[in-house]
């Protein structure tokens, strides 16, 4: 008994249709819901605003430093240590806030 070309094509076609069906269903399952897309957009916008705020803060600090250099009013070592401690405290506080935000509401 020999296998005809038509039978082989028929089996290949059936496999192809099954593969296309699985791929289509897989892609449909991966799509984000509108709520997920809105949440993702909100997160992206929030991160962009945070980055912009950081950039503004850094440029403000640079301007302040340059003004101090020009005016000869650079901070003392004690003031620099105090500022570094404040920055560290702010960082710890922000990390705590982010950790609290990351915990799902119950």
Protein backbone atom coordinates (compact mmCIF):
# COMPACT_ATOMS: atom_id res chain seq x y z
CA UNK A 1 0.00 0.00 0.00
CA UNK A 2 1.50 3.32 -0.99
CA UNK A 3 0.76 6.74 0.42
CA UNK A 4 -0.42 9.15 -2.21
CA UNK A 5 0.62 12.74 -2.55
CA UNK A 6 -2.96 13.84 -1.85
CA UNK A 7 -2.97 12.01 1.49
CA UNK A 8 0.33 13.60 2.53
CA UNK A 9 -0.93 17.06 1.56
CA UNK A 10 -4.14 16.43 3.46
CA UNK A 11 -2.24 15.54 6.63
CA UNK A 12 0.09 18.53 6.24
CA UNK A 13 -2.90 20.83 5.71
CA UNK A 14 -4.60 19.48 8.83
CA UNK A 15 -1.42 19.99 10.87
CA UNK A 16 -1.05 23.51 9.51
CA UNK A 17 -4.63 24.40 10.46
CA UNK A 18 -4.13 22.98 13.94
CA UNK A 19 -0.91 24.95 14.35
CA UNK A 20 -2.58 28.17 13.17
CA UNK A 21 -5.46 27.61 15.59
CA UNK A 22 -3.08 27.07 18.52
CA UNK A 23 -1.04 30.14 17.58
CA UNK A 24 -4.15 32.30 17.27
CA UNK A 25 -5.49 31.15 20.62
CA UNK A 26 -2.09 31.67 22.22
CA UNK A 27 -1.86 35.23 20.93
CA UNK A 28 -5.40 35.99 22.03
CA UNK A 29 -4.59 34.79 25.54
CA UNK A 30 -1.53 37.08 25.71
CA UNK A 31 -3.39 40.29 24.93
CA UNK A 32 -3.71 42.81 27.71
CA UNK A 33 -7.11 43.79 28.96
CA UNK A 34 -8.05 47.48 28.77
CA UNK A 35 -7.58 47.71 32.53
CA UNK A 36 -4.05 46.31 32.27
CA UNK A 37 -3.23 48.70 29.44
CA UNK A 38 -4.55 51.66 31.44
CA UNK A 39 -2.54 50.57 34.49
CA UNK A 40 0.58 50.19 32.36
CA UNK A 41 0.06 53.64 30.83
CA UNK A 42 -0.47 55.15 34.28
CA UNK A 43 2.73 53.54 35.56
CA UNK A 44 4.67 54.80 32.54
CA UNK A 45 3.33 58.32 32.98
CA UNK A 46 4.15 58.21 36.68
CA UNK A 47 7.70 57.07 35.97
CA UNK A 48 8.11 59.80 33.35
CA UNK A 49 6.92 62.45 35.79
CA UNK A 50 9.25 61.10 38.45
CA UNK A 51 12.18 61.22 36.02
CA UNK A 52 11.29 64.77 35.02
CA UNK A 53 11.10 65.75 38.68
CA UNK A 54 14.49 64.18 39.33
CA UNK A 55 15.96 66.07 36.37
CA UNK A 56 14.53 69.37 37.61
CA UNK A 57 15.88 68.69 41.10
CA UNK A 58 19.34 67.86 39.75
CA UNK A 59 19.46 70.98 37.59
CA UNK A 60 18.32 73.07 40.56
CA UNK A 61 21.11 71.58 42.65
CA UNK A 62 23.62 72.28 39.88
CA UNK A 63 22.50 75.90 39.64
CA UNK A 64 22.70 76.26 43.42
CA UNK A 65 26.18 74.75 43.48
CA UNK A 66 27.38 77.02 40.69
CA UNK A 67 25.91 80.06 42.45
CA UNK A 68 27.69 79.02 45.66
CA UNK A 69 30.96 78.71 43.76
CA UNK A 70 30.56 82.11 42.14
CA UNK A 71 29.52 83.83 45.38
CA UNK A 72 32.09 81.99 47.47
CA UNK A 73 29.42 80.61 49.81
CA UNK A 74 30.13 76.93 49.43
CA UNK A 75 28.72 74.79 52.25
CA UNK A 76 30.97 73.73 55.12
CA UNK A 77 31.87 70.09 55.72
CA UNK A 78 29.26 69.88 58.50
CA UNK A 79 26.59 71.22 56.15
CA UNK A 80 27.61 68.71 53.48
CA UNK A 81 27.38 65.84 56.00
CA UNK A 82 23.96 67.06 57.14
CA UNK A 83 22.75 67.27 53.55
CA UNK A 84 24.05 63.77 52.79
CA UNK A 85 22.26 62.43 55.88
CA UNK A 86 19.03 64.13 54.78
CA UNK A 87 19.39 62.65 51.31
CA UNK A 88 19.95 59.19 52.82
CA UNK A 89 16.88 59.56 55.02
CA UNK A 90 14.81 60.64 52.00
CA UNK A 91 16.03 57.63 50.05
CA UNK A 92 15.11 55.24 52.85
CA UNK A 93 11.69 56.87 53.20
CA UNK A 94 11.05 56.64 49.45
CA UNK A 95 12.10 52.98 49.42
CA UNK A 96 9.70 52.29 52.29
CA UNK A 97 6.88 54.05 50.42
CA UNK A 98 7.62 52.08 47.27
CA UNK A 99 7.66 48.82 49.22
CA UNK A 100 4.33 49.71 50.82
CA UNK A 101 2.87 50.55 47.42
CA UNK A 102 4.12 47.26 45.99
CA UNK A 103 2.19 45.23 48.57
CA UNK A 104 -1.23 44.43 47.11
CA UNK A 105 -4.20 45.91 48.96
CA UNK A 106 -6.24 43.37 50.85
